[in-house]
Amino acid sequence: MSGNERILFLKAAATLLMVKAGLILLPFSTFRKIFHWFSDTNKVKEMTQLQIEQTAWAVRSASDHLPLELLCLPRALATKYLLRKVPSLTLEIGVEINAAKVFEAHAWVERNGTIIIGDWPASVSYHRLWVWK
């Protein structure tokens, strides 16, 4: 890893740990308010597609290397926070459309309809329930 990749990895790891702690320790409504307070910004920062992909890579890599179970929601929230200044970024939460399976929820981050983190196989389909801008 280059120096910039290491820094991004460490930022992603710290963000994931804070998000996971918040999700475990706080009621979701309280967590949501605090997350909004920390991530709310009027500043807009355009980032290249490469920078966005590197951020998603850092979150996925940190998630895979931390000794915690960090599934789609903490990953999506960490990505949303790290890219909070990027315009047109949404955190999506949906349920799987599959009558043969039990209830399955999923969270992902999109920018202008393109999934940044949390993509799934083509054989699975999710119905959006909630969009967190």
Protein backbone atom coordinates (compact mmCIF):
# COMPACT_ATOMS: atom_id res chain seq x y z
CA MET A 1 0.00 0.00 0.00
CA SER A 2 1.13 3.52 -0.71
CA GLY A 3 1.17 6.16 2.01
CA ASN A 4 -2.15 7.62 0.83
CA GLU A 5 -3.75 4.17 0.72
CA ARG A 6 -2.60 3.46 4.29
CA ILE A 7 -4.07 6.75 5.53
CA LEU A 8 -7.35 6.06 3.74
CA PHE A 9 -7.39 2.51 5.15
CA LEU A 10 -6.88 3.84 8.69
CA LYS A 11 -9.61 6.47 8.24
CA ALA A 12 -11.97 3.77 6.98
CA ALA A 13 -11.10 1.48 9.91
CA ALA A 14 -11.66 4.24 12.48
CA THR A 15 -14.95 5.25 10.84
CA LEU A 16 -16.15 1.64 10.75
CA LEU A 17 -15.34 1.20 14.45
CA MET A 18 -17.21 4.38 15.39
CA VAL A 19 -20.22 3.43 13.25
CA LYS A 20 -20.32 -0.11 14.66
CA ALA A 21 -20.07 1.21 18.25
CA GLY A 22 -22.87 3.70 17.57
CA LEU A 23 -25.12 1.05 16.05
CA ILE A 24 -24.54 -1.29 19.01
CA LEU A 25 -24.73 1.24 21.85
CA LEU A 26 -27.40 3.69 20.70
CA PRO A 27 -31.04 3.43 19.69
CA PHE A 28 -31.15 3.78 15.90
CA SER A 29 -33.07 7.07 16.04
CA THR A 30 -30.35 8.57 18.27
CA PHE A 31 -27.58 7.11 16.12
CA ARG A 32 -29.21 8.58 13.02
CA LYS A 33 -29.37 12.07 14.55
CA ILE A 34 -25.74 11.93 15.67
CA PHE A 35 -24.59 10.53 12.33
CA HIS A 36 -26.45 13.30 10.53
CA TRP A 37 -24.92 15.94 12.81
CA PHE A 38 -21.39 14.65 12.15
CA SER A 39 -21.83 14.16 8.41
CA ASP A 40 -23.91 17.24 7.59
CA THR A 41 -21.91 19.69 5.52
CA ASN A 42 -22.67 22.52 3.16
CA LYS A 43 -19.37 22.05 1.40
CA VAL A 44 -19.32 20.15 -1.85
CA LYS A 45 -16.19 18.42 -3.04
CA GLU A 46 -15.98 16.83 -6.42
CA MET A 47 -13.92 13.67 -6.34
CA THR A 48 -12.69 11.64 -9.26
CA GLN A 49 -14.15 8.21 -9.86
CA LEU A 50 -10.77 6.78 -8.84
CA GLN A 51 -10.89 8.57 -5.46
CA ILE A 52 -14.43 7.27 -4.86
CA GLU A 53 -13.36 3.73 -5.78
CA GLN A 54 -10.32 3.97 -3.50
CA THR A 55 -12.56 5.02 -0.61
CA ALA A 56 -14.88 2.07 -1.24
CA TRP A 57 -11.84 -0.22 -1.44
CA ALA A 58 -10.55 1.12 1.90
CA VAL A 59 -13.91 0.48 3.59
CA ARG A 60 -14.16 -3.05 2.16
CA SER A 61 -10.54 -3.85 3.08
CA ALA A 62 -10.82 -2.46 6.60
CA SER A 63 -14.11 -4.35 7.07
CA ASP A 64 -12.46 -7.58 6.04
CA HIS A 65 -9.44 -7.09 8.33
CA LEU A 66 -11.05 -5.80 11.52
CA PRO A 67 -11.96 -8.50 14.07
CA LEU A 68 -15.66 -7.58 14.00
CA GLU A 69 -18.60 -8.55 11.88
CA LEU A 70 -19.08 -5.52 9.67
CA LEU A 71 -21.84 -6.28 7.23
CA CYS A 72 -23.53 -4.02 4.71
CA LEU A 73 -25.00 -1.33 6.99
CA PRO A 74 -21.78 -0.32 8.78
CA ARG A 75 -19.93 -0.46 5.45
CA ALA A 76 -22.51 1.73 3.74
CA LEU A 77 -22.61 4.21 6.63
CA ALA A 78 -18.80 4.46 6.75
CA THR A 79 -18.65 5.02 2.99
CA LYS A 80 -21.41 7.62 3.17
CA TYR A 81 -19.53 9.45 5.93
CA LEU A 82 -16.14 9.36 4.22
CA LEU A 83 -17.70 10.63 0.98
CA ARG A 84 -20.09 13.07 2.68
CA LYS A 85 -18.97 16.05 0.58
CA VAL A 86 -19.56 14.27 -2.73
CA PRO A 87 -22.83 15.45 -4.31
CA SER A 88 -25.66 13.09 -5.29
CA LEU A 89 -24.62 10.35 -2.87
CA THR A 90 -27.36 8.29 -1.22
CA LEU A 91 -27.44 5.43 1.22
CA GLU A 92 -30.13 2.97 0.19
CA ILE A 93 -31.78 0.28 2.28
CA GLY A 94 -33.92 -2.39 0.71
CA VAL A 95 -35.32 -5.88 1.02
CA GLU A 96 -34.74 -8.82 -1.26
CA ILE A 97 -37.51 -9.65 -3.68
CA ASN A 98 -37.61 -13.45 -3.50
CA ALA A 99 -40.69 -15.33 -2.34
CA ALA A 100 -38.71 -18.52 -1.66
CA LYS A 101 -36.40 -16.89 0.91
CA VAL A 102 -36.83 -15.43 4.33
CA PHE A 103 -36.69 -11.68 4.85
CA GLU A 104 -33.31 -10.30 3.74
CA ALA A 105 -32.36 -6.64 4.05
CA HIS A 106 -29.39 -4.90 2.44
CA ALA A 107 -27.73 -1.47 2.51
CA TRP A 108 -25.68 0.10 -0.24
CA VAL A 109 -24.41 3.50 -1.40
CA GLU A 110 -25.20 4.95 -4.81
CA ARG A 111 -24.15 7.99 -6.76
CA ASN A 112 -26.44 8.93 -9.64
CA GLY A 113 -27.76 5.37 -9.82
CA THR A 114 -24.34 3.67 -9.78
CA ILE A 115 -23.54 1.46 -6.79
CA ILE A 116 -20.34 2.51 -5.02
CA ILE A 117 -20.37 -0.10 -2.27
CA GLY A 118 -22.74 -2.95 -1.48
CA ASP A 119 -23.36 -4.39 -4.93
CA TRP A 120 -24.94 -7.82 -5.25
CA PRO A 121 -25.16 -10.66 -7.78
CA ALA A 122 -27.43 -10.23 -10.80
CA SER A 123 -29.56 -13.15 -9.59
CA VAL A 124 -30.72 -11.10 -6.57
CA SER A 125 -33.10 -8.16 -6.68
CA TYR A 126 -33.71 -5.61 -3.92
CA HIS A 127 -36.66 -3.29 -3.50
CA ARG A 128 -35.72 0.08 -2.01
CA LEU A 129 -37.48 0.88 1.24
CA TRP A 130 -35.54 3.91 2.38
CA VAL A 131 -33.14 6.44 0.85
CA TRP A 132 -30.86 8.34 3.23
CA LYS A 133 -29.51 11.43 1.51
